Full PDB file with SEQRES, HELIX, SHEET, SSBOND, CRYST1, ORIGX, SCALE, CONECT and MASTER records, all heavy atoms in Angstrom:
SEQRES   1 A   30  LEU GLN PRO VAL ARG GLY THR GLN ASP ILE ILE GLY ASP          
SEQRES   2 A   30  ASP TYR ALA LEU PHE GLU ARG VAL VAL THR ILE ALA ARG          
SEQRES   3 A   30  ASP ILE SER SER                                              
HELIX    1 AA1 GLY A   12  SER A   29  1                                  18    
CRYST1    1.000    1.000    1.000  90.00  90.00  90.00 P 1           1          
ORIGX1      1.000000  0.000000  0.000000        0.00000                         
ORIGX2      0.000000  1.000000  0.000000        0.00000                         
ORIGX3      0.000000  0.000000  1.000000        0.00000                         
SCALE1      1.000000  0.000000  0.000000        0.00000                         
SCALE2      0.000000  1.000000  0.000000        0.00000                         
SCALE3      0.000000  0.000000  1.000000        0.00000                         
ATOM      1  N   LEU A   1    -129.288 -27.575 127.664  1.00  0.00           N  
ATOM      2  CA  LEU A   1    -129.559 -26.164 128.106  1.00  0.00           C  
ATOM      3  C   LEU A   1    -128.804 -25.153 127.296  1.00  0.00           C  
ATOM      4  O   LEU A   1    -128.477 -24.080 127.784  1.00  0.00           O  
ATOM      5  CB  LEU A   1    -129.187 -26.035 129.589  1.00  0.00           C  
ATOM      6  CG  LEU A   1    -130.022 -26.927 130.540  1.00  0.00           C  
ATOM      7  CD1 LEU A   1    -129.570 -26.777 131.997  1.00  0.00           C  
ATOM      8  CD2 LEU A   1    -131.520 -26.558 130.413  1.00  0.00           C  
ATOM      9  N   GLN A   2    -128.559 -25.490 126.031  1.00  0.00           N  
ATOM     10  CA  GLN A   2    -127.987 -24.517 125.067  1.00  0.00           C  
ATOM     11  C   GLN A   2    -129.043 -24.170 124.058  1.00  0.00           C  
ATOM     12  O   GLN A   2    -129.938 -24.973 123.753  1.00  0.00           O  
ATOM     13  CB  GLN A   2    -126.748 -25.117 124.415  1.00  0.00           C  
ATOM     14  CG  GLN A   2    -125.641 -25.467 125.353  1.00  0.00           C  
ATOM     15  CD  GLN A   2    -125.065 -24.202 125.999  1.00  0.00           C  
ATOM     16  OE1 GLN A   2    -124.896 -23.182 125.369  1.00  0.00           O  
ATOM     17  NE2 GLN A   2    -124.741 -24.308 127.294  1.00  0.00           N  
ATOM     18  N   PRO A   3    -128.971 -22.961 123.471  1.00  0.00           N  
ATOM     19  CA  PRO A   3    -129.915 -22.707 122.381  1.00  0.00           C  
ATOM     20  C   PRO A   3    -129.722 -23.594 121.221  1.00  0.00           C  
ATOM     21  O   PRO A   3    -128.622 -24.115 120.985  1.00  0.00           O  
ATOM     22  CB  PRO A   3    -129.592 -21.225 122.037  1.00  0.00           C  
ATOM     23  CG  PRO A   3    -128.185 -21.025 122.460  1.00  0.00           C  
ATOM     24  CD  PRO A   3    -128.021 -21.873 123.711  1.00  0.00           C  
ATOM     25  N   VAL A   4    -130.785 -23.926 120.477  1.00  0.00           N  
ATOM     26  CA  VAL A   4    -130.727 -24.728 119.298  1.00  0.00           C  
ATOM     27  C   VAL A   4    -129.754 -24.089 118.317  1.00  0.00           C  
ATOM     28  O   VAL A   4    -129.744 -22.849 118.153  1.00  0.00           O  
ATOM     29  CB  VAL A   4    -132.106 -24.916 118.689  1.00  0.00           C  
ATOM     30  CG1 VAL A   4    -132.039 -25.699 117.396  1.00  0.00           C  
ATOM     31  CG2 VAL A   4    -133.063 -25.627 119.690  1.00  0.00           C  
ATOM     32  N   ARG A   5    -128.989 -24.901 117.602  1.00  0.00           N  
ATOM     33  CA  ARG A   5    -128.082 -24.363 116.622  1.00  0.00           C  
ATOM     34  C   ARG A   5    -128.744 -23.439 115.631  1.00  0.00           C  
ATOM     35  O   ARG A   5    -129.835 -23.744 115.083  1.00  0.00           O  
ATOM     36  CB  ARG A   5    -127.375 -25.489 115.840  1.00  0.00           C  
ATOM     37  CG  ARG A   5    -126.271 -24.998 114.883  1.00  0.00           C  
ATOM     38  CD  ARG A   5    -125.466 -26.166 114.362  1.00  0.00           C  
ATOM     39  NE  ARG A   5    -124.347 -25.730 113.582  1.00  0.00           N  
ATOM     40  CZ  ARG A   5    -124.327 -25.742 112.230  1.00  0.00           C  
ATOM     41  NH1 ARG A   5    -125.345 -26.178 111.526  1.00  0.00           N  
ATOM     42  NH2 ARG A   5    -123.270 -25.282 111.589  1.00  0.00           N  
ATOM     43  N   GLY A   6    -128.198 -22.292 115.406  1.00  0.00           N  
ATOM     44  CA  GLY A   6    -128.807 -21.324 114.501  1.00  0.00           C  
ATOM     45  C   GLY A   6    -129.765 -20.364 115.216  1.00  0.00           C  
ATOM     46  O   GLY A   6    -130.383 -19.587 114.541  1.00  0.00           O  
ATOM     47  N   THR A   7    -129.859 -20.442 116.496  1.00  0.00           N  
ATOM     48  CA  THR A   7    -130.655 -19.483 117.266  1.00  0.00           C  
ATOM     49  C   THR A   7    -129.808 -18.837 118.331  1.00  0.00           C  
ATOM     50  O   THR A   7    -128.675 -19.254 118.557  1.00  0.00           O  
ATOM     51  CB  THR A   7    -131.867 -20.161 117.987  1.00  0.00           C  
ATOM     52  OG1 THR A   7    -131.371 -21.071 118.980  1.00  0.00           O  
ATOM     53  CG2 THR A   7    -132.683 -20.954 116.950  1.00  0.00           C  
ATOM     54  N   GLN A   8    -130.278 -17.772 118.957  1.00  0.00           N  
ATOM     55  CA  GLN A   8    -129.509 -17.102 119.930  1.00  0.00           C  
ATOM     56  C   GLN A   8    -130.385 -16.400 120.910  1.00  0.00           C  
ATOM     57  O   GLN A   8    -131.583 -16.156 120.678  1.00  0.00           O  
ATOM     58  CB  GLN A   8    -128.598 -16.014 119.277  1.00  0.00           C  
ATOM     59  CG  GLN A   8    -129.410 -14.947 118.557  1.00  0.00           C  
ATOM     60  CD  GLN A   8    -128.508 -13.779 118.135  1.00  0.00           C  
ATOM     61  OE1 GLN A   8    -127.458 -13.575 118.625  1.00  0.00           O  
ATOM     62  NE2 GLN A   8    -129.054 -12.930 117.217  1.00  0.00           N  
ATOM     63  N   ASP A   9    -129.843 -16.107 122.092  1.00  0.00           N  
ATOM     64  CA  ASP A   9    -130.495 -15.284 123.089  1.00  0.00           C  
ATOM     65  C   ASP A   9    -130.032 -13.864 122.881  1.00  0.00           C  
ATOM     66  O   ASP A   9    -128.837 -13.592 122.814  1.00  0.00           O  
ATOM     67  CB  ASP A   9    -130.154 -15.739 124.503  1.00  0.00           C  
ATOM     68  CG  ASP A   9    -130.584 -17.168 124.779  1.00  0.00           C  
ATOM     69  OD1 ASP A   9    -131.697 -17.560 124.437  1.00  0.00           O  
ATOM     70  OD2 ASP A   9    -129.707 -17.966 125.256  1.00  0.00           O  
ATOM     71  N   ILE A  10    -130.922 -12.947 122.767  1.00  0.00           N  
ATOM     72  CA  ILE A  10    -130.590 -11.513 122.552  1.00  0.00           C  
ATOM     73  C   ILE A  10    -130.750 -10.827 123.889  1.00  0.00           C  
ATOM     74  O   ILE A  10    -131.889 -10.591 124.362  1.00  0.00           O  
ATOM     75  CB  ILE A  10    -131.511 -10.909 121.460  1.00  0.00           C  
ATOM     76  CG1 ILE A  10    -131.330 -11.656 120.119  1.00  0.00           C  
ATOM     77  CG2 ILE A  10    -131.130  -9.441 121.259  1.00  0.00           C  
ATOM     78  CD1 ILE A  10    -132.221 -11.202 119.036  1.00  0.00           C  
ATOM     79  N   ILE A  11    -129.658 -10.446 124.485  1.00  0.00           N  
ATOM     80  CA  ILE A  11    -129.679  -9.931 125.853  1.00  0.00           C  
ATOM     81  C   ILE A  11    -128.680  -8.750 125.971  1.00  0.00           C  
ATOM     82  O   ILE A  11    -127.833  -8.566 125.104  1.00  0.00           O  
ATOM     83  CB  ILE A  11    -129.324 -11.024 126.871  1.00  0.00           C  
ATOM     84  CG1 ILE A  11    -127.920 -11.665 126.557  1.00  0.00           C  
ATOM     85  CG2 ILE A  11    -130.372 -12.083 126.955  1.00  0.00           C  
ATOM     86  CD1 ILE A  11    -127.514 -12.724 127.531  1.00  0.00           C  
ATOM     87  N   GLY A  12    -128.778  -7.993 127.032  1.00  0.00           N  
ATOM     88  CA  GLY A  12    -127.829  -6.967 127.332  1.00  0.00           C  
ATOM     89  C   GLY A  12    -127.762  -5.897 126.247  1.00  0.00           C  
ATOM     90  O   GLY A  12    -128.759  -5.406 125.745  1.00  0.00           O  
ATOM     91  N   ASP A  13    -126.525  -5.539 125.839  1.00  0.00           N  
ATOM     92  CA  ASP A  13    -126.322  -4.504 124.810  1.00  0.00           C  
ATOM     93  C   ASP A  13    -126.913  -4.974 123.431  1.00  0.00           C  
ATOM     94  O   ASP A  13    -127.395  -4.077 122.700  1.00  0.00           O  
ATOM     95  CB  ASP A  13    -124.818  -4.215 124.641  1.00  0.00           C  
ATOM     96  CG  ASP A  13    -124.316  -3.323 125.764  1.00  0.00           C  
ATOM     97  OD1 ASP A  13    -125.106  -2.820 126.571  1.00  0.00           O  
ATOM     98  OD2 ASP A  13    -123.059  -3.171 125.857  1.00  0.00           O  
ATOM     99  N   ASP A  14    -126.868  -6.261 123.198  1.00  0.00           N  
ATOM    100  CA  ASP A  14    -127.466  -6.716 121.956  1.00  0.00           C  
ATOM    101  C   ASP A  14    -128.959  -6.440 121.891  1.00  0.00           C  
ATOM    102  O   ASP A  14    -129.515  -6.083 120.838  1.00  0.00           O  
ATOM    103  CB  ASP A  14    -127.231  -8.240 121.741  1.00  0.00           C  
ATOM    104  CG  ASP A  14    -125.819  -8.523 121.302  1.00  0.00           C  
ATOM    105  OD1 ASP A  14    -125.080  -7.584 120.961  1.00  0.00           O  
ATOM    106  OD2 ASP A  14    -125.432  -9.680 121.270  1.00  0.00           O  
ATOM    107  N   TYR A  15    -129.626  -6.651 123.048  1.00  0.00           N  
ATOM    108  CA  TYR A  15    -131.057  -6.295 123.050  1.00  0.00           C  
ATOM    109  C   TYR A  15    -131.290  -4.824 122.812  1.00  0.00           C  
ATOM    110  O   TYR A  15    -132.194  -4.415 122.081  1.00  0.00           O  
ATOM    111  CB  TYR A  15    -131.675  -6.734 124.363  1.00  0.00           C  
ATOM    112  CG  TYR A  15    -133.169  -6.426 124.457  1.00  0.00           C  
ATOM    113  CD1 TYR A  15    -134.122  -7.212 123.886  1.00  0.00           C  
ATOM    114  CD2 TYR A  15    -133.593  -5.223 125.044  1.00  0.00           C  
ATOM    115  CE1 TYR A  15    -135.451  -6.929 123.944  1.00  0.00           C  
ATOM    116  CE2 TYR A  15    -134.916  -4.912 125.150  1.00  0.00           C  
ATOM    117  CZ  TYR A  15    -135.879  -5.751 124.596  1.00  0.00           C  
ATOM    118  OH  TYR A  15    -137.212  -5.422 124.625  1.00  0.00           O  
ATOM    119  N   ALA A  16    -130.475  -3.991 123.448  1.00  0.00           N  
ATOM    120  CA  ALA A  16    -130.590  -2.520 123.240  1.00  0.00           C  
ATOM    121  C   ALA A  16    -130.372  -2.188 121.799  1.00  0.00           C  
ATOM    122  O   ALA A  16    -131.064  -1.318 121.257  1.00  0.00           O  
ATOM    123  CB  ALA A  16    -129.620  -1.812 124.173  1.00  0.00           C  
ATOM    124  N   LEU A  17    -129.334  -2.817 121.132  1.00  0.00           N  
ATOM    125  CA  LEU A  17    -129.094  -2.584 119.733  1.00  0.00           C  
ATOM    126  C   LEU A  17    -130.293  -3.034 118.894  1.00  0.00           C  
ATOM    127  O   LEU A  17    -130.681  -2.328 117.968  1.00  0.00           O  
ATOM    128  CB  LEU A  17    -127.841  -3.333 119.336  1.00  0.00           C  
ATOM    129  CG  LEU A  17    -126.455  -2.692 119.646  1.00  0.00           C  
ATOM    130  CD1 LEU A  17    -125.383  -3.700 119.539  1.00  0.00           C  
ATOM    131  CD2 LEU A  17    -126.231  -1.505 118.791  1.00  0.00           C  
ATOM    132  N   PHE A  18    -130.787  -4.206 119.189  1.00  0.00           N  
ATOM    133  CA  PHE A  18    -131.952  -4.719 118.465  1.00  0.00           C  
ATOM    134  C   PHE A  18    -133.111  -3.760 118.503  1.00  0.00           C  
ATOM    135  O   PHE A  18    -133.671  -3.424 117.464  1.00  0.00           O  
ATOM    136  CB  PHE A  18    -132.344  -6.062 119.083  1.00  0.00           C  
ATOM    137  CG  PHE A  18    -133.468  -6.793 118.427  1.00  0.00           C  
ATOM    138  CD1 PHE A  18    -133.241  -7.820 117.556  1.00  0.00           C  
ATOM    139  CD2 PHE A  18    -134.779  -6.422 118.683  1.00  0.00           C  
ATOM    140  CE1 PHE A  18    -134.302  -8.480 116.929  1.00  0.00           C  
ATOM    141  CE2 PHE A  18    -135.850  -7.051 118.081  1.00  0.00           C  
ATOM    142  CZ  PHE A  18    -135.613  -8.108 117.223  1.00  0.00           C  
ATOM    143  N   GLU A  19    -133.450  -3.299 119.692  1.00  0.00           N  
ATOM    144  CA  GLU A  19    -134.574  -2.389 119.827  1.00  0.00           C  
ATOM    145  C   GLU A  19    -134.350  -1.068 119.135  1.00  0.00           C  
ATOM    146  O   GLU A  19    -135.224  -0.462 118.525  1.00  0.00           O  
ATOM    147  CB  GLU A  19    -134.857  -2.144 121.283  1.00  0.00           C  
ATOM    148  CG  GLU A  19    -135.492  -3.327 122.017  1.00  0.00           C  
ATOM    149  CD  GLU A  19    -136.888  -3.609 121.461  1.00  0.00           C  
ATOM    150  OE1 GLU A  19    -137.740  -2.721 121.518  1.00  0.00           O  
ATOM    151  OE2 GLU A  19    -137.106  -4.762 120.987  1.00  0.00           O  
ATOM    152  N   ARG A  20    -133.080  -0.609 119.200  1.00  0.00           N  
ATOM    153  CA  ARG A  20    -132.772   0.689 118.550  1.00  0.00           C  
ATOM    154  C   ARG A  20    -132.924   0.558 117.039  1.00  0.00           C  
ATOM    155  O   ARG A  20    -133.456   1.496 116.399  1.00  0.00           O  
ATOM    156  CB  ARG A  20    -131.336   1.110 118.893  1.00  0.00           C  
ATOM    157  CG  ARG A  20    -130.954   2.495 118.427  1.00  0.00           C  
ATOM    158  CD  ARG A  20    -131.725   3.582 119.199  1.00  0.00           C  
ATOM    159  NE  ARG A  20    -131.489   3.503 120.592  1.00  0.00           N  
ATOM    160  CZ  ARG A  20    -130.493   4.056 121.225  1.00  0.00           C  
ATOM    161  NH1 ARG A  20    -129.537   4.740 120.559  1.00  0.00           N  
ATOM    162  NH2 ARG A  20    -130.342   3.930 122.565  1.00  0.00           N  
ATOM    163  N   VAL A  21    -132.473  -0.493 116.424  1.00  0.00           N  
ATOM    164  CA  VAL A  21    -132.595  -0.692 114.954  1.00  0.00           C  
ATOM    165  C   VAL A  21    -134.069  -0.696 114.582  1.00  0.00           C  
ATOM    166  O   VAL A  21    -134.457  -0.007 113.647  1.00  0.00           O  
ATOM    167  CB  VAL A  21    -131.877  -1.956 114.528  1.00  0.00           C  
ATOM    168  CG1 VAL A  21    -132.290  -2.383 113.130  1.00  0.00           C  
ATOM    169  CG2 VAL A  21    -130.381  -1.865 114.636  1.00  0.00           C  
ATOM    170  N   VAL A  22    -134.855  -1.484 115.277  1.00  0.00           N  
ATOM    171  CA  VAL A  22    -136.294  -1.597 114.907  1.00  0.00           C  
ATOM    172  C   VAL A  22    -136.971  -0.274 115.130  1.00  0.00           C  
ATOM    173  O   VAL A  22    -137.808   0.175 114.327  1.00  0.00           O  
ATOM    174  CB  VAL A  22    -136.996  -2.697 115.745  1.00  0.00           C  
ATOM    175  CG1 VAL A  22    -138.483  -2.694 115.469  1.00  0.00           C  
ATOM    176  CG2 VAL A  22    -136.353  -4.082 115.373  1.00  0.00           C  
ATOM    177  N   THR A  23    -136.653   0.417 116.231  1.00  0.00           N  
ATOM    178  CA  THR A  23    -137.301   1.737 116.508  1.00  0.00           C  
ATOM    179  C   THR A  23    -136.943   2.775 115.415  1.00  0.00           C  
ATOM    180  O   THR A  23    -137.764   3.477 114.964  1.00  0.00           O  
ATOM    181  CB  THR A  23    -136.858   2.241 117.884  1.00  0.00           C  
ATOM    182  OG1 THR A  23    -137.323   1.328 118.867  1.00  0.00           O  
ATOM    183  CG2 THR A  23    -137.481   3.609 118.174  1.00  0.00           C  
ATOM    184  N   ILE A  24    -135.680   2.817 115.064  1.00  0.00           N  
ATOM    185  CA  ILE A  24    -135.230   3.772 114.038  1.00  0.00           C  
ATOM    186  C   ILE A  24    -135.964   3.393 112.709  1.00  0.00           C  
ATOM    187  O   ILE A  24    -136.428   4.335 112.006  1.00  0.00           O  
ATOM    188  CB  ILE A  24    -133.682   3.738 113.858  1.00  0.00           C  
ATOM    189  CG1 ILE A  24    -133.031   4.411 115.061  1.00  0.00           C  
ATOM    190  CG2 ILE A  24    -133.281   4.387 112.535  1.00  0.00           C  
ATOM    191  CD1 ILE A  24    -131.541   4.293 115.059  1.00  0.00           C  
ATOM    192  N   ALA A  25    -135.993   2.166 112.333  1.00  0.00           N  
ATOM    193  CA  ALA A  25    -136.630   1.756 111.093  1.00  0.00           C  
ATOM    194  C   ALA A  25    -138.105   2.121 111.099  1.00  0.00           C  
ATOM    195  O   ALA A  25    -138.647   2.646 110.096  1.00  0.00           O  
ATOM    196  CB  ALA A  25    -136.469   0.247 110.869  1.00  0.00           C  
ATOM    197  N   ARG A  26    -138.770   1.895 112.206  1.00  0.00           N  
ATOM    198  CA  ARG A  26    -140.229   2.224 112.345  1.00  0.00           C  
ATOM    199  C   ARG A  26    -140.432   3.741 112.252  1.00  0.00           C  
ATOM    200  O   ARG A  26    -141.323   4.229 111.533  1.00  0.00           O  
ATOM    201  CB  ARG A  26    -140.799   1.681 113.655  1.00  0.00           C  
ATOM    202  CG  ARG A  26    -142.257   1.932 113.832  1.00  0.00           C  
ATOM    203  CD  ARG A  26    -142.751   1.470 115.203  1.00  0.00           C  
ATOM    204  NE  ARG A  26    -142.603   0.005 115.341  1.00  0.00           N  
ATOM    205  CZ  ARG A  26    -141.765  -0.562 116.177  1.00  0.00           C  
ATOM    206  NH1 ARG A  26    -140.939   0.200 116.901  1.00  0.00           N  
ATOM    207  NH2 ARG A  26    -141.678  -1.869 116.233  1.00  0.00           N  
ATOM    208  N   ASP A  27    -139.600   4.491 112.943  1.00  0.00           N  
ATOM    209  CA  ASP A  27    -139.739   5.940 112.955  1.00  0.00           C  
ATOM    210  C   ASP A  27    -139.530   6.547 111.581  1.00  0.00           C  
ATOM    211  O   ASP A  27    -140.314   7.408 111.145  1.00  0.00           O  
ATOM    212  CB  ASP A  27    -138.775   6.617 113.978  1.00  0.00           C  
ATOM    213  CG  ASP A  27    -139.166   6.325 115.414  1.00  0.00           C  
ATOM    214  OD1 ASP A  27    -140.264   5.840 115.685  1.00  0.00           O  
ATOM    215  OD2 ASP A  27    -138.313   6.589 116.290  1.00  0.00           O  
ATOM    216  N   ILE A  28    -138.474   6.123 110.883  1.00  0.00           N  
ATOM    217  CA  ILE A  28    -138.209   6.713 109.590  1.00  0.00           C  
ATOM    218  C   ILE A  28    -139.274   6.291 108.563  1.00  0.00           C  
ATOM    219  O   ILE A  28    -139.719   7.064 107.724  1.00  0.00           O  
ATOM    220  CB  ILE A  28    -136.773   6.318 109.088  1.00  0.00           C  
ATOM    221  CG1 ILE A  28    -135.791   7.026 110.021  1.00  0.00           C  
ATOM    222  CG2 ILE A  28    -136.516   6.686 107.658  1.00  0.00           C  
ATOM    223  CD1 ILE A  28    -134.346   6.731 109.688  1.00  0.00           C  
ATOM    224  N   SER A  29    -139.693   5.037 108.635  1.00  0.00           N  
ATOM    225  CA  SER A  29    -140.727   4.575 107.683  1.00  0.00           C  
ATOM    226  C   SER A  29    -142.035   5.372 107.886  1.00  0.00           C  
ATOM    227  O   SER A  29    -142.780   5.613 106.949  1.00  0.00           O  
ATOM    228  CB  SER A  29    -140.942   3.084 107.821  1.00  0.00           C  
ATOM    229  OG  SER A  29    -141.530   2.743 109.069  1.00  0.00           O  
ATOM    230  N   SER A  30    -142.295   5.769 109.150  1.00  0.00           N  
ATOM    231  CA  SER A  30    -143.536   6.518 109.385  1.00  0.00           C  
ATOM    232  C   SER A  30    -143.499   7.876 108.704  1.00  0.00           C  
ATOM    233  O   SER A  30    -144.502   8.441 108.339  1.00  0.00           O  
ATOM    234  CB  SER A  30    -143.788   6.660 110.909  1.00  0.00           C  
ATOM    235  OG  SER A  30    -142.828   7.482 111.495  1.00  0.00           O  
TER     236      SER A  30                                                      
MASTER        0    0    0    1    0    0    0    6  235    1    0    3          
END                                                                             
């Protein structure tokens, strides 16, 4: 019941950070 080595669960603040990075990248590229 652990993630496979080299993978991770992205949750909480990390998820918020993840979404912010992608959103900023998408907005600026547009």
